Amino acid sequence: MAFAKVYPLYVQKAERKGRTKEEVDQIIRWLTGYDQKGLERQIEQGNDFESFFAKAPAMHTNASLIKGVVCGVRVEEVDDPLMQRIRQLDKLIDELAKGKKMEKILRQ
C-alpha cells in the first residue's frame, strides 16, 4: 500500500477533529526522522510503506513506548516489523485525533 495514498487520510482524520496537517507532519517526522522536505519527497514519489520506513533516516528511540490498540490489535504485540511501524503511526494519528496533547503523543 502506498504511503502517499494513506497520508491524506491521516490529514483528513486529524482535520475532522480540529487538528492540523502540520501536527500530522510533526508526528511523522518525529517517528521517522524525516525532515519536511524528505517527507514531502516520499509523498511525491508515491512510495509504499515498506520503502517509506526503509528509507526513514532514523526511527525514534521512543517508538517502543507506543502501546495500545489499533483496529483491535495491540501495537506492541505485532510480530511483523513493518506492520508494527504502520500500527505505531496509526496509533499516533489516532491519539492526535482524540485530542491528546502533542507532548504526550510524542512520548516526551
N, C-alpha and C. Protein backbone atom coordinates (compact mmCIF):
# COMPACT_ATOMS: atom_id res chain seq x y z
N MET A 1 0.84 -1.18 0.00
CA MET A 1 0.00 0.00 0.00
C MET A 1 0.89 1.24 0.00
N ALA A 2 0.52 2.22 -0.78
CA ALA A 2 1.32 3.44 -0.91
C ALA A 2 1.09 4.37 0.27
N PHE A 3 2.17 4.80 0.88
CA PHE A 3 2.09 5.77 1.96
C PHE A 3 1.42 7.04 1.45
N ALA A 4 1.72 7.43 0.22
CA ALA A 4 1.16 8.66 -0.35
C ALA A 4 -0.37 8.61 -0.45
N LYS A 5 -0.94 7.43 -0.54
CA LYS A 5 -2.40 7.31 -0.61
C LYS A 5 -3.03 7.36 0.78
N VAL A 6 -2.30 6.93 1.79
CA VAL A 6 -2.82 6.91 3.16
C VAL A 6 -2.60 8.26 3.85
N TYR A 7 -1.54 8.94 3.49
CA TYR A 7 -1.21 10.22 4.12
C TYR A 7 -2.39 11.20 4.11
N PRO A 8 -3.06 11.43 2.97
CA PRO A 8 -4.20 12.36 3.00
C PRO A 8 -5.31 11.91 3.95
N LEU A 9 -5.45 10.61 4.14
CA LEU A 9 -6.46 10.09 5.07
C LEU A 9 -6.08 10.43 6.52
N TYR A 10 -4.78 10.37 6.82
CA TYR A 10 -4.31 10.79 8.14
C TYR A 10 -4.65 12.27 8.37
N VAL A 11 -4.37 13.09 7.36
CA VAL A 11 -4.63 14.53 7.47
C VAL A 11 -6.12 14.79 7.63
N GLN A 12 -6.94 14.12 6.84
CA GLN A 12 -8.40 14.30 6.93
C GLN A 12 -8.91 13.91 8.31
N LYS A 13 -8.42 12.81 8.83
CA LYS A 13 -8.85 12.35 10.16
C LYS A 13 -8.52 13.40 11.21
N ALA A 14 -7.32 13.94 11.14
CA ALA A 14 -6.89 14.95 12.10
C ALA A 14 -7.71 16.23 11.95
N GLU A 15 -7.90 16.67 10.72
CA GLU A 15 -8.62 17.92 10.49
C GLU A 15 -10.09 17.83 10.90
N ARG A 16 -10.70 16.67 10.72
CA ARG A 16 -12.09 16.49 11.15
C ARG A 16 -12.24 16.71 12.66
N LYS A 17 -11.15 16.47 13.38
CA LYS A 17 -11.18 16.60 14.84
C LYS A 17 -10.53 17.90 15.30
N GLY A 18 -10.35 18.84 14.37
CA GLY A 18 -9.82 20.15 14.75
C GLY A 18 -8.31 20.23 14.86
N ARG A 19 -7.61 19.23 14.38
CA ARG A 19 -6.15 19.25 14.39
C ARG A 19 -5.66 19.66 13.00
N THR A 20 -4.34 19.76 12.82
CA THR A 20 -3.81 20.31 11.57
C THR A 20 -2.89 19.34 10.83
N LYS A 21 -2.70 19.65 9.55
CA LYS A 21 -1.75 18.90 8.72
C LYS A 21 -0.34 19.04 9.31
N GLU A 22 -0.03 20.21 9.83
CA GLU A 22 1.29 20.44 10.42
C GLU A 22 1.53 19.52 11.61
N GLU A 23 0.50 19.25 12.39
CA GLU A 23 0.65 18.34 13.52
C GLU A 23 0.85 16.91 13.03
N VAL A 24 0.14 16.53 11.98
CA VAL A 24 0.34 15.19 11.39
C VAL A 24 1.78 15.07 10.91
N ASP A 25 2.26 16.09 10.19
CA ASP A 25 3.64 16.06 9.70
C ASP A 25 4.63 16.00 10.85
N GLN A 26 4.37 16.73 11.92
CA GLN A 26 5.27 16.71 13.08
C GLN A 26 5.37 15.31 13.67
N ILE A 27 4.25 14.64 13.77
CA ILE A 27 4.23 13.27 14.30
C ILE A 27 5.03 12.34 13.39
N ILE A 28 4.81 12.43 12.10
CA ILE A 28 5.51 11.55 11.15
C ILE A 28 7.01 11.84 11.19
N ARG A 29 7.38 13.11 11.23
CA ARG A 29 8.81 13.46 11.30
C ARG A 29 9.43 12.95 12.59
N TRP A 30 8.70 13.07 13.71
CA TRP A 30 9.21 12.59 15.00
C TRP A 30 9.47 11.08 14.94
N LEU A 31 8.51 10.34 14.41
CA LEU A 31 8.62 8.88 14.38
C LEU A 31 9.73 8.41 13.45
N THR A 32 9.86 9.04 12.29
CA THR A 32 10.73 8.51 11.23
C THR A 32 12.07 9.21 11.07
N GLY A 33 12.19 10.43 11.56
CA GLY A 33 13.43 11.18 11.38
C GLY A 33 13.50 11.95 10.08
N TYR A 34 12.47 11.86 9.25
CA TYR A 34 12.46 12.67 8.02
C TYR A 34 12.39 14.14 8.39
N ASP A 35 13.01 14.99 7.56
CA ASP A 35 12.73 16.42 7.66
C ASP A 35 11.53 16.70 6.76
N GLN A 36 11.03 17.93 6.75
CA GLN A 36 9.80 18.22 5.99
C GLN A 36 10.00 17.96 4.50
N LYS A 37 11.15 18.34 3.96
CA LYS A 37 11.40 18.11 2.52
C LYS A 37 11.46 16.63 2.21
N GLY A 38 12.08 15.87 3.08
CA GLY A 38 12.17 14.42 2.88
C GLY A 38 10.81 13.76 2.93
N LEU A 39 9.96 14.22 3.85
CA LEU A 39 8.60 13.70 3.95
C LEU A 39 7.82 14.02 2.68
N GLU A 40 7.91 15.26 2.24
CA GLU A 40 7.20 15.67 1.02
C GLU A 40 7.70 14.88 -0.20
N ARG A 41 8.99 14.60 -0.25
CA ARG A 41 9.56 13.82 -1.35
C ARG A 41 8.98 12.40 -1.35
N GLN A 42 8.85 11.80 -0.18
CA GLN A 42 8.28 10.45 -0.09
C GLN A 42 6.84 10.45 -0.60
N ILE A 43 6.09 11.48 -0.28
CA ILE A 43 4.70 11.58 -0.72
C ILE A 43 4.65 11.76 -2.24
N GLU A 44 5.49 12.65 -2.76
CA GLU A 44 5.53 12.90 -4.21
C GLU A 44 5.91 11.65 -5.00
N GLN A 45 6.84 10.88 -4.46
CA GLN A 45 7.31 9.68 -5.16
C GLN A 45 6.30 8.54 -5.09
N GLY A 46 5.33 8.65 -4.21
CA GLY A 46 4.31 7.62 -4.10
C GLY A 46 4.84 6.30 -3.54
N ASN A 47 5.86 6.37 -2.71
CA ASN A 47 6.46 5.15 -2.15
C ASN A 47 5.47 4.39 -1.28
N ASP A 48 5.64 3.07 -1.28
CA ASP A 48 4.81 2.24 -0.41
C ASP A 48 5.36 2.33 1.02
N PHE A 49 4.61 1.78 1.97
CA PHE A 49 5.02 1.85 3.36
C PHE A 49 6.37 1.18 3.59
N GLU A 50 6.62 0.08 2.90
CA GLU A 50 7.90 -0.62 3.10
C GLU A 50 9.06 0.29 2.74
N SER A 51 9.00 0.95 1.59
CA SER A 51 10.05 1.88 1.18
C SER A 51 10.10 3.09 2.10
N PHE A 52 8.93 3.60 2.46
CA PHE A 52 8.85 4.77 3.32
C PHE A 52 9.60 4.53 4.63
N PHE A 53 9.34 3.40 5.27
CA PHE A 53 10.01 3.12 6.53
C PHE A 53 11.45 2.68 6.33
N ALA A 54 11.74 1.96 5.25
CA ALA A 54 13.11 1.53 4.98
C ALA A 54 14.03 2.71 4.74
N LYS A 55 13.52 3.76 4.12
CA LYS A 55 14.32 4.95 3.82
C LYS A 55 14.30 5.98 4.95
N ALA A 56 13.55 5.70 5.99
CA ALA A 56 13.46 6.65 7.11
C ALA A 56 14.85 6.87 7.70
N PRO A 57 15.23 8.13 7.89
CA PRO A 57 16.57 8.42 8.41
C PRO A 57 16.86 7.76 9.75
N ALA A 58 15.89 7.79 10.67
CA ALA A 58 16.12 7.20 11.99
C ALA A 58 14.79 7.09 12.72
N MET A 59 14.35 5.87 12.97
CA MET A 59 13.14 5.70 13.76
C MET A 59 13.44 6.17 15.18
N HIS A 60 12.51 6.87 15.76
CA HIS A 60 12.72 7.46 17.08
C HIS A 60 12.93 6.36 18.12
N THR A 61 13.85 6.61 19.03
CA THR A 61 14.15 5.61 20.06
C THR A 61 12.96 5.36 20.98
N ASN A 62 12.06 6.33 21.10
CA ASN A 62 10.89 6.16 21.96
C ASN A 62 9.71 5.50 21.24
N ALA A 63 9.91 5.06 20.02
CA ALA A 63 8.82 4.39 19.29
C ALA A 63 8.36 3.14 20.03
N SER A 64 9.25 2.53 20.77
CA SER A 64 8.87 1.33 21.54
C SER A 64 7.89 1.65 22.66
N LEU A 65 7.74 2.92 23.00
CA LEU A 65 6.80 3.32 24.04
C LEU A 65 5.37 3.46 23.52
N ILE A 66 5.20 3.32 22.21
CA ILE A 66 3.87 3.43 21.62
C ILE A 66 3.15 2.11 21.87
N LYS A 67 2.12 2.19 22.68
CA LYS A 67 1.37 1.00 23.06
C LYS A 67 -0.11 1.29 22.93
N GLY A 68 -0.89 0.24 22.84
CA GLY A 68 -2.33 0.41 22.75
C GLY A 68 -2.92 -0.42 21.63
N VAL A 69 -4.20 -0.19 21.38
CA VAL A 69 -4.94 -0.99 20.41
C VAL A 69 -5.32 -0.14 19.21
N VAL A 70 -5.06 -0.67 18.02
CA VAL A 70 -5.48 -0.06 16.77
C VAL A 70 -6.20 -1.14 15.98
N CYS A 71 -7.45 -0.89 15.64
CA CYS A 71 -8.26 -1.86 14.89
C CYS A 71 -8.28 -3.22 15.58
N GLY A 72 -8.36 -3.21 16.90
CA GLY A 72 -8.46 -4.44 17.66
C GLY A 72 -7.16 -5.20 17.84
N VAL A 73 -6.04 -4.60 17.43
CA VAL A 73 -4.74 -5.26 17.53
C VAL A 73 -3.83 -4.43 18.44
N ARG A 74 -3.20 -5.10 19.40
CA ARG A 74 -2.25 -4.41 20.28
C ARG A 74 -0.98 -4.11 19.50
N VAL A 75 -0.63 -2.84 19.43
CA VAL A 75 0.53 -2.38 18.66
C VAL A 75 1.81 -3.08 19.09
N GLU A 76 2.00 -3.20 20.39
CA GLU A 76 3.25 -3.77 20.90
C GLU A 76 3.36 -5.29 20.69
N GLU A 77 2.28 -5.94 20.28
CA GLU A 77 2.29 -7.39 20.08
C GLU A 77 2.38 -7.81 18.61
N VAL A 78 2.46 -6.84 17.71
CA VAL A 78 2.56 -7.16 16.28
C VAL A 78 3.95 -7.70 16.00
N ASP A 79 4.02 -8.89 15.38
CA ASP A 79 5.30 -9.55 15.13
C ASP A 79 6.05 -8.99 13.92
N ASP A 80 5.34 -8.70 12.85
CA ASP A 80 5.97 -8.21 11.62
C ASP A 80 6.46 -6.77 11.84
N PRO A 81 7.78 -6.53 11.72
CA PRO A 81 8.32 -5.19 12.00
C PRO A 81 7.67 -4.08 11.15
N LEU A 82 7.42 -4.34 9.87
CA LEU A 82 6.79 -3.33 9.02
C LEU A 82 5.38 -3.03 9.50
N MET A 83 4.61 -4.07 9.76
CA MET A 83 3.23 -3.86 10.22
C MET A 83 3.22 -3.16 11.57
N GLN A 84 4.20 -3.45 12.42
CA GLN A 84 4.27 -2.77 13.70
C GLN A 84 4.52 -1.28 13.52
N ARG A 85 5.40 -0.91 12.60
CA ARG A 85 5.67 0.50 12.31
C ARG A 85 4.40 1.20 11.81
N ILE A 86 3.68 0.53 10.92
CA ILE A 86 2.44 1.10 10.39
C ILE A 86 1.44 1.29 11.52
N ARG A 87 1.30 0.30 12.38
CA ARG A 87 0.37 0.40 13.51
C ARG A 87 0.80 1.49 14.50
N GLN A 88 2.10 1.65 14.68
CA GLN A 88 2.57 2.71 15.57
C GLN A 88 2.15 4.07 15.02
N LEU A 89 2.35 4.26 13.72
CA LEU A 89 1.94 5.52 13.10
C LEU A 89 0.44 5.71 13.21
N ASP A 90 -0.32 4.66 12.94
CA ASP A 90 -1.79 4.74 13.08
C ASP A 90 -2.18 5.15 14.50
N LYS A 91 -1.52 4.57 15.48
CA LYS A 91 -1.83 4.86 16.88
C LYS A 91 -1.55 6.33 17.20
N LEU A 92 -0.44 6.86 16.72
CA LEU A 92 -0.11 8.26 16.96
C LEU A 92 -1.15 9.19 16.34
N ILE A 93 -1.59 8.87 15.13
CA ILE A 93 -2.60 9.69 14.45
C ILE A 93 -3.93 9.58 15.20
N ASP A 94 -4.26 8.39 15.69
CA ASP A 94 -5.48 8.22 16.49
C ASP A 94 -5.43 9.10 17.75
N GLU A 95 -4.29 9.11 18.41
CA GLU A 95 -4.14 9.92 19.62
C GLU A 95 -4.30 11.40 19.30
N LEU A 96 -3.75 11.84 18.17
CA LEU A 96 -3.90 13.22 17.74
C LEU A 96 -5.38 13.55 17.53
N ALA A 97 -6.07 12.68 16.81
CA ALA A 97 -7.49 12.89 16.52
C ALA A 97 -8.35 12.87 17.79
N LYS A 98 -7.90 12.16 18.80
CA LYS A 98 -8.65 12.09 20.05
C LYS A 98 -8.37 13.27 20.98
N GLY A 99 -7.50 14.18 20.53
CA GLY A 99 -7.27 15.40 21.29
C GLY A 99 -6.15 15.36 22.30
N LYS A 100 -5.32 14.33 22.26
CA LYS A 100 -4.20 14.28 23.21
C LYS A 100 -3.24 15.43 22.94
N LYS A 101 -2.56 15.85 23.99
CA LYS A 101 -1.55 16.90 23.84
C LYS A 101 -0.34 16.34 23.09
N MET A 102 0.27 17.19 22.29
CA MET A 102 1.39 16.77 21.46
C MET A 102 2.53 16.19 22.30
N GLU A 103 2.79 16.74 23.49
CA GLU A 103 3.86 16.22 24.34
C GLU A 103 3.64 14.76 24.70
N LYS A 104 2.39 14.40 24.94
CA LYS A 104 2.08 13.00 25.28
C LYS A 104 2.17 12.11 24.05
N ILE A 105 1.69 12.62 22.91
CA ILE A 105 1.75 11.84 21.67
C ILE A 105 3.19 11.52 21.32
N LEU A 106 4.07 12.50 21.49
CA LEU A 106 5.48 12.34 21.13
C LEU A 106 6.30 11.72 22.25
N ARG A 107 5.63 11.20 23.26
CA ARG A 107 6.27 10.46 24.36
C ARG A 107 7.40 11.27 24.98
N GLN A 108 7.11 12.53 25.30
CA GLN A 108 8.14 13.40 25.91
C GLN A 108 7.89 13.53 27.39
